[in-house]
Amino acid sequence: MLLLAVYGFRSAEVRRLRLDDIDWHRETMSPPRPKQRKVGTYPLTRAIGAAIIAYLRHARPTSQHRHVFLSLRRPHRPLSGEGLGTMVRVRQLRLGQKLKRYGPHGLRHACATYLLAEGFTLKEIGDHLGHSMVRATEAYAKVDLLSLRQVGEFGMADLVAFEAACAEKETPFYIVGDLNALRVVAELSLQGLS
């Protein structure tokens, strides 16, 4: 669930993650991105690394499969889309969450919405989610009705003051795909989950 919520991974990206996709020395993950037919590289935060290690040591069944996440019932095999979806929905319901959407894609959507609320641009969010076009990310901007409502209630003087305040803030500039930028986003997302 952390990979879905913090990194905004798609269900297939989590299910297809292999043991060899995690570089423990460099503290990176390179999940396959089947939708783009490429591989993305992400920083492996300590909290998520610790969660994966705990799973590997205490919960993952012994198997010849190289996928990280396996079914718990025999025969042990990589998780199916339906299996992961059911696990996420059941966990969300047990946590008492009242959501419009349950399941892996809802967590991906929540990740994007959180990053949008934190002030990340659609381009930055799209890079984090692995979108190749900003248009694919625009759907996430529509869900932030609270922010849209707040903008609609601003007067012109408030907008000018807000723009000036934003201009005073230093925002680091990162090259697309820079691991430091992705690490900042991942750490920020983890803060939102705690």
C-alpha atoms as a PDB file:
ATOM      1  CA  MET A   1       0.000   0.000   0.000  1.00  0.00           C
ATOM      2  CA  LEU A   2       2.935   2.337   0.646  1.00  0.00           C
ATOM      3  CA  LEU A   3       4.191   1.925  -2.905  1.00  0.00           C
ATOM      4  CA  LEU A   4       0.736   2.800  -4.220  1.00  0.00           C
ATOM      5  CA  ALA A   5       0.179   5.770  -1.916  1.00  0.00           C
ATOM      6  CA  VAL A   6       3.645   7.342  -1.697  1.00  0.00           C
ATOM      7  CA  TYR A   7       4.974   6.710  -5.173  1.00  0.00           C
ATOM      8  CA  GLY A   8       1.609   6.624  -6.903  1.00  0.00           C
ATOM      9  CA  PHE A   9       2.557   3.374  -8.619  1.00  0.00           C
ATOM     10  CA  ARG A  10       0.011   1.610 -10.771  1.00  0.00           C
ATOM     11  CA  SER A  11      -1.193  -1.795  -9.640  1.00  0.00           C
ATOM     12  CA  ALA A  12       0.811  -3.485 -12.416  1.00  0.00           C
ATOM     13  CA  GLU A  13       3.986  -1.667 -11.366  1.00  0.00           C
ATOM     14  CA  VAL A  14       3.672  -3.007  -7.815  1.00  0.00           C
ATOM     15  CA  ARG A  15       2.719  -6.502  -8.958  1.00  0.00           C
ATOM     16  CA  ARG A  16       5.581  -6.704 -11.459  1.00  0.00           C
ATOM     17  CA  LEU A  17       8.233  -5.337  -9.088  1.00  0.00           C
ATOM     18  CA  ARG A  18      11.033  -7.906  -8.912  1.00  0.00           C
ATOM     19  CA  LEU A  19      13.689  -8.456  -6.280  1.00  0.00           C
ATOM     20  CA  ASP A  20      16.300  -7.376  -8.834  1.00  0.00           C
ATOM     21  CA  ASP A  21      14.492  -4.033  -9.329  1.00  0.00           C
ATOM     22  CA  ILE A  22      15.595  -2.895  -5.856  1.00  0.00           C
ATOM     23  CA  ASP A  23      19.159  -1.599  -5.501  1.00  0.00           C
ATOM     24  CA  TRP A  24      19.759  -1.612  -1.753  1.00  0.00           C
ATOM     25  CA  HIS A  25      23.224  -0.032  -2.041  1.00  0.00           C
ATOM     26  CA  ARG A  26      22.055   2.950  -4.085  1.00  0.00           C
ATOM     27  CA  GLU A  27      18.714   3.036  -2.241  1.00  0.00           C
ATOM     28  CA  THR A  28      16.712   3.057  -5.462  1.00  0.00           C
ATOM     29  CA  MET A  29      13.884   1.099  -7.063  1.00  0.00           C
ATOM     30  CA  SER A  30      13.384   0.678 -10.773  1.00  0.00           C
ATOM     31  CA  PRO A  31       9.884  -0.682 -11.288  1.00  0.00           C
ATOM     32  CA  PRO A  32       8.798  -1.640 -14.781  1.00  0.00           C
ATOM     33  CA  ARG A  33       6.397   0.901 -16.266  1.00  0.00           C
ATOM     34  CA  PRO A  34       4.454  -1.324 -18.655  1.00  0.00           C
ATOM     35  CA  LYS A  35       2.160   1.457 -19.827  1.00  0.00           C
ATOM     36  CA  GLN A  36       5.139   3.459 -21.156  1.00  0.00           C
ATOM     37  CA  ARG A  37       7.180   0.364 -22.033  1.00  0.00           C
ATOM     38  CA  LYS A  38      10.118   1.628 -19.960  1.00  0.00           C
ATOM     39  CA  VAL A  39      11.549   1.489 -16.459  1.00  0.00           C
ATOM     40  CA  GLY A  40      11.406   4.349 -13.927  1.00  0.00           C
ATOM     41  CA  THR A  41      13.944   4.912 -11.154  1.00  0.00           C
ATOM     42  CA  TYR A  42      12.791   6.096  -7.736  1.00  0.00           C
ATOM     43  CA  PRO A  43      14.566   6.690  -4.433  1.00  0.00           C
ATOM     44  CA  LEU A  44      13.904   4.014  -1.855  1.00  0.00           C
ATOM     45  CA  THR A  45      13.027   5.862   1.336  1.00  0.00           C
ATOM     46  CA  ARG A  46      14.103   4.289   4.600  1.00  0.00           C
ATOM     47  CA  ALA A  47      10.511   3.785   5.780  1.00  0.00           C
ATOM     48  CA  ILE A  48       9.482   1.985   2.614  1.00  0.00           C
ATOM     49  CA  GLY A  49      12.742   0.037   2.477  1.00  0.00           C
ATOM     50  CA  ALA A  50      12.134  -1.106   6.067  1.00  0.00           C
ATOM     51  CA  ALA A  51       8.562  -2.138   5.192  1.00  0.00           C
ATOM     52  CA  ILE A  52       9.774  -4.180   2.204  1.00  0.00           C
ATOM     53  CA  ILE A  53      12.490  -5.840   4.304  1.00  0.00           C
ATOM     54  CA  ALA A  54       9.933  -6.711   7.012  1.00  0.00           C
ATOM     55  CA  TYR A  55       7.670  -8.246   4.354  1.00  0.00           C
ATOM     56  CA  LEU A  56      10.546 -10.224   2.802  1.00  0.00           C
ATOM     57  CA  ARG A  57      11.683 -11.550   6.187  1.00  0.00           C
ATOM     58  CA  HIS A  58       8.356 -12.265   7.852  1.00  0.00           C
ATOM     59  CA  ALA A  59       5.548 -12.583   5.311  1.00  0.00           C
ATOM     60  CA  ARG A  60       6.784 -13.467   1.817  1.00  0.00           C
ATOM     61  CA  PRO A  61       6.504 -17.180   1.128  1.00  0.00           C
ATOM     62  CA  THR A  62       9.621 -19.020   0.000  1.00  0.00           C
ATOM     63  CA  SER A  63       9.461 -19.299  -3.768  1.00  0.00           C
ATOM     64  CA  GLN A  64      11.492 -19.506  -6.958  1.00  0.00           C
ATOM     65  CA  HIS A  65       9.579 -16.472  -8.283  1.00  0.00           C
ATOM     66  CA  ARG A  66      11.633 -13.268  -8.407  1.00  0.00           C
ATOM     67  CA  HIS A  67       8.619 -10.979  -7.960  1.00  0.00           C
ATOM     68  CA  VAL A  68       8.652  -9.148  -4.629  1.00  0.00           C
ATOM     69  CA  PHE A  69       4.978  -9.658  -3.801  1.00  0.00           C
ATOM     70  CA  LEU A  70       3.490 -13.139  -3.952  1.00  0.00           C
ATOM     71  CA  SER A  71       0.165 -14.706  -3.130  1.00  0.00           C
ATOM     72  CA  LEU A  72       0.046 -16.181   0.356  1.00  0.00           C
ATOM     73  CA  ARG A  73      -1.909 -19.263  -0.732  1.00  0.00           C
ATOM     74  CA  ARG A  74      -0.302 -22.134  -2.574  1.00  0.00           C
ATOM     75  CA  PRO A  75       0.763 -22.244  -5.258  1.00  0.00           C
ATOM     76  CA  HIS A  76       2.706 -19.091  -4.445  1.00  0.00           C
ATOM     77  CA  ARG A  77       2.833 -16.894  -7.515  1.00  0.00           C
ATOM     78  CA  PRO A  78       2.999 -13.187  -8.376  1.00  0.00           C
ATOM     79  CA  LEU A  79      -0.080 -11.262  -7.267  1.00  0.00           C
ATOM     80  CA  SER A  80      -2.880 -10.842  -9.764  1.00  0.00           C
ATOM     81  CA  GLY A  81      -4.528  -7.479 -10.364  1.00  0.00           C
ATOM     82  CA  GLU A  82      -7.705  -8.747  -8.757  1.00  0.00           C
ATOM     83  CA  GLY A  83      -5.783 -10.116  -5.769  1.00  0.00           C
ATOM     84  CA  LEU A  84      -3.955  -6.844  -5.088  1.00  0.00           C
ATOM     85  CA  GLY A  85      -7.145  -4.853  -5.599  1.00  0.00           C
ATOM     86  CA  THR A  86      -9.038  -6.997  -3.112  1.00  0.00           C
ATOM     87  CA  MET A  87      -6.245  -6.760  -0.529  1.00  0.00           C
ATOM     88  CA  VAL A  88      -6.142  -2.958  -0.769  1.00  0.00           C
ATOM     89  CA  ARG A  89      -9.943  -2.568  -0.614  1.00  0.00           C
ATOM     90  CA  VAL A  90     -10.222  -4.886   2.394  1.00  0.00           C
ATOM     91  CA  ARG A  91      -7.465  -2.995   4.216  1.00  0.00           C
ATOM     92  CA  GLN A  92      -9.061   0.383   3.460  1.00  0.00           C
ATOM     93  CA  LEU A  93     -12.432  -0.827   4.754  1.00  0.00           C
ATOM     94  CA  ARG A  94     -10.843  -2.286   7.909  1.00  0.00           C
ATOM     95  CA  LEU A  95      -9.197   1.100   8.514  1.00  0.00           C
ATOM     96  CA  GLY A  96     -12.684   2.608   8.387  1.00  0.00           C
ATOM     97  CA  GLN A  97     -11.916   4.836   5.428  1.00  0.00           C
ATOM     98  CA  LYS A  98     -14.921   6.448   3.756  1.00  0.00           C
ATOM     99  CA  LEU A  99     -13.846   6.922   0.157  1.00  0.00           C
ATOM    100  CA  LYS A 100     -15.384   7.456  -3.245  1.00  0.00           C
ATOM    101  CA  ARG A 101     -12.835   5.027  -4.696  1.00  0.00           C
ATOM    102  CA  TYR A 102     -11.299   2.026  -3.033  1.00  0.00           C
ATOM    103  CA  GLY A 103      -8.359   0.056  -4.347  1.00  0.00           C
ATOM    104  CA  PRO A 104      -4.931   0.664  -5.860  1.00  0.00           C
ATOM    105  CA  HIS A 105      -5.961   3.353  -8.325  1.00  0.00           C
ATOM    106  CA  GLY A 106      -7.657   5.322  -5.543  1.00  0.00           C
ATOM    107  CA  LEU A 107      -4.315   5.436  -3.691  1.00  0.00           C
ATOM    108  CA  ARG A 108      -2.560   6.609  -6.865  1.00  0.00           C
ATOM    109  CA  HIS A 109      -5.205   9.285  -7.229  1.00  0.00           C
ATOM    110  CA  ALA A 110      -4.775  10.285  -3.552  1.00  0.00           C
ATOM    111  CA  CYS A 111      -1.007  10.601  -4.079  1.00  0.00           C
ATOM    112  CA  ALA A 112      -1.528  12.951  -7.024  1.00  0.00           C
ATOM    113  CA  THR A 113      -4.156  14.982  -5.175  1.00  0.00           C
ATOM    114  CA  TYR A 114      -1.866  15.314  -2.145  1.00  0.00           C
ATOM    115  CA  LEU A 115       1.045  16.502  -4.296  1.00  0.00           C
ATOM    116  CA  LEU A 116      -1.258  18.982  -6.038  1.00  0.00           C
ATOM    117  CA  ALA A 117      -2.391  20.340  -2.653  1.00  0.00           C
ATOM    118  CA  GLU A 118       1.265  20.665  -1.618  1.00  0.00           C
ATOM    119  CA  GLY A 119       1.872  22.979  -4.566  1.00  0.00           C
ATOM    120  CA  PHE A 120       3.583  20.697  -7.062  1.00  0.00           C
ATOM    121  CA  THR A 121       2.966  21.502 -10.705  1.00  0.00           C
ATOM    122  CA  LEU A 122       1.103  19.131 -12.990  1.00  0.00           C
ATOM    123  CA  LYS A 123       4.402  18.484 -14.797  1.00  0.00           C
ATOM    124  CA  GLU A 124       6.144  17.515 -11.543  1.00  0.00           C
ATOM    125  CA  ILE A 125       3.236  15.297 -10.513  1.00  0.00           C
ATOM    126  CA  GLY A 126       3.149  13.713 -13.977  1.00  0.00           C
ATOM    127  CA  ASP A 127       6.879  12.970 -13.770  1.00  0.00           C
ATOM    128  CA  HIS A 128       6.364  11.372 -10.361  1.00  0.00           C
ATOM    129  CA  LEU A 129       3.467   9.248 -11.625  1.00  0.00           C
ATOM    130  CA  GLY A 130       5.268   8.282 -14.819  1.00  0.00           C
ATOM    131  CA  HIS A 131       2.962  10.150 -17.185  1.00  0.00           C
ATOM    132  CA  SER A 132       4.573  10.971 -20.506  1.00  0.00           C
ATOM    133  CA  MET A 133       2.132  13.817 -21.206  1.00  0.00           C
ATOM    134  CA  VAL A 134       0.809  16.542 -18.896  1.00  0.00           C
ATOM    135  CA  ARG A 135      -2.687  15.915 -20.287  1.00  0.00           C
ATOM    136  CA  ALA A 136      -2.734  12.561 -18.510  1.00  0.00           C
ATOM    137  CA  THR A 137      -2.159  14.373 -15.199  1.00  0.00           C
ATOM    138  CA  GLU A 138      -4.784  17.068 -15.748  1.00  0.00           C
ATOM    139  CA  ALA A 139      -7.553  14.750 -14.534  1.00  0.00           C
ATOM    140  CA  TYR A 140      -6.070  15.032 -11.050  1.00  0.00           C
ATOM    141  CA  ALA A 141      -6.444  18.825 -11.020  1.00  0.00           C
ATOM    142  CA  LYS A 142     -10.215  18.526 -11.284  1.00  0.00           C
ATOM    143  CA  VAL A 143     -10.579  16.706  -7.980  1.00  0.00           C
ATOM    144  CA  ASP A 144      -9.098  19.473  -5.834  1.00  0.00           C
ATOM    145  CA  LEU A 145     -12.418  21.279  -5.454  1.00  0.00           C
ATOM    146  CA  LEU A 146     -11.482  22.815  -2.097  1.00  0.00           C
ATOM    147  CA  SER A 147      -8.482  24.576  -3.623  1.00  0.00           C
ATOM    148  CA  LEU A 148     -10.492  25.640  -6.667  1.00  0.00           C
ATOM    149  CA  ARG A 149     -13.160  27.042  -4.362  1.00  0.00           C
ATOM    150  CA  GLN A 150     -10.519  28.942  -2.362  1.00  0.00           C
ATOM    151  CA  VAL A 151      -9.060  30.417  -5.555  1.00  0.00           C
ATOM    152  CA  GLY A 152     -12.552  31.446  -6.660  1.00  0.00           C
ATOM    153  CA  GLU A 153     -13.040  33.278  -3.365  1.00  0.00           C
ATOM    154  CA  PHE A 154      -9.787  35.259  -3.653  1.00  0.00           C
ATOM    155  CA  GLY A 155     -10.089  38.935  -4.460  1.00  0.00           C
ATOM    156  CA  MET A 156      -7.643  40.524  -6.910  1.00  0.00           C
ATOM    157  CA  ALA A 157      -5.589  42.024  -4.051  1.00  0.00           C
ATOM    158  CA  ASP A 158      -5.325  38.581  -2.441  1.00  0.00           C
ATOM    159  CA  LEU A 159      -4.135  37.044  -5.700  1.00  0.00           C
ATOM    160  CA  VAL A 160      -1.454  39.707  -6.178  1.00  0.00           C
ATOM    161  CA  ALA A 161      -0.279  39.252  -2.558  1.00  0.00           C
ATOM    162  CA  PHE A 162      -0.223  35.465  -2.975  1.00  0.00           C
ATOM    163  CA  GLU A 163       1.809  35.736  -6.182  1.00  0.00           C
ATOM    164  CA  ALA A 164       4.322  38.017  -4.451  1.00  0.00           C
ATOM    165  CA  ALA A 165       4.626  35.604  -1.526  1.00  0.00           C
ATOM    166  CA  CYS A 166       5.237  32.707  -3.920  1.00  0.00           C
ATOM    167  CA  ALA A 167       7.895  34.670  -5.787  1.00  0.00           C
ATOM    168  CA  GLU A 168       9.788  35.195  -2.516  1.00  0.00           C
ATOM    169  CA  LYS A 169       9.978  31.474  -1.804  1.00  0.00           C
ATOM    170  CA  GLU A 170      12.960  29.622  -3.183  1.00  0.00           C
ATOM    171  CA  THR A 171      11.910  26.562  -5.104  1.00  0.00           C
ATOM    172  CA  PRO A 172      14.693  24.172  -6.074  1.00  0.00           C
ATOM    173  CA  PHE A 173      14.939  23.440  -9.771  1.00  0.00           C
ATOM    174  CA  TYR A 174      15.494  19.791 -10.650  1.00  0.00           C
ATOM    175  CA  ILE A 175      16.124  18.142 -13.956  1.00  0.00           C
ATOM    176  CA  VAL A 176      13.381  15.679 -14.972  1.00  0.00           C
ATOM    177  CA  GLY A 177      14.192  12.269 -13.533  1.00  0.00           C
ATOM    178  CA  ASP A 178      16.671  13.666 -10.955  1.00  0.00           C
ATOM    179  CA  LEU A 179      16.703  11.220  -8.041  1.00  0.00           C
ATOM    180  CA  ASN A 180      17.024  14.086  -5.543  1.00  0.00           C
ATOM    181  CA  ALA A 181      13.769  15.593  -6.785  1.00  0.00           C
ATOM    182  CA  LEU A 182      12.012  12.242  -6.588  1.00  0.00           C
ATOM    183  CA  ARG A 183      13.441  11.695  -3.071  1.00  0.00           C
ATOM    184  CA  VAL A 184      12.017  15.080  -1.959  1.00  0.00           C
ATOM    185  CA  VAL A 185       8.593  14.123  -3.338  1.00  0.00           C
ATOM    186  CA  ALA A 186       8.697  10.668  -1.731  1.00  0.00           C
ATOM    187  CA  GLU A 187       9.712  12.069   1.673  1.00  0.00           C
ATOM    188  CA  LEU A 188       6.998  14.731   1.431  1.00  0.00           C
ATOM    189  CA  SER A 189       4.424  12.059   0.588  1.00  0.00           C
ATOM    190  CA  LEU A 190       5.495   9.989   3.597  1.00  0.00           C
ATOM    191  CA  GLN A 191       4.927  12.982   5.868  1.00  0.00           C
ATOM    192  CA  GLY A 192       1.383  13.168   4.565  1.00  0.00           C
ATOM    193  CA  LEU A 193       0.761   9.536   5.558  1.00  0.00           C
ATOM    194  CA  SER A 194       1.956   9.841   9.138  1.00  0.00           C
END
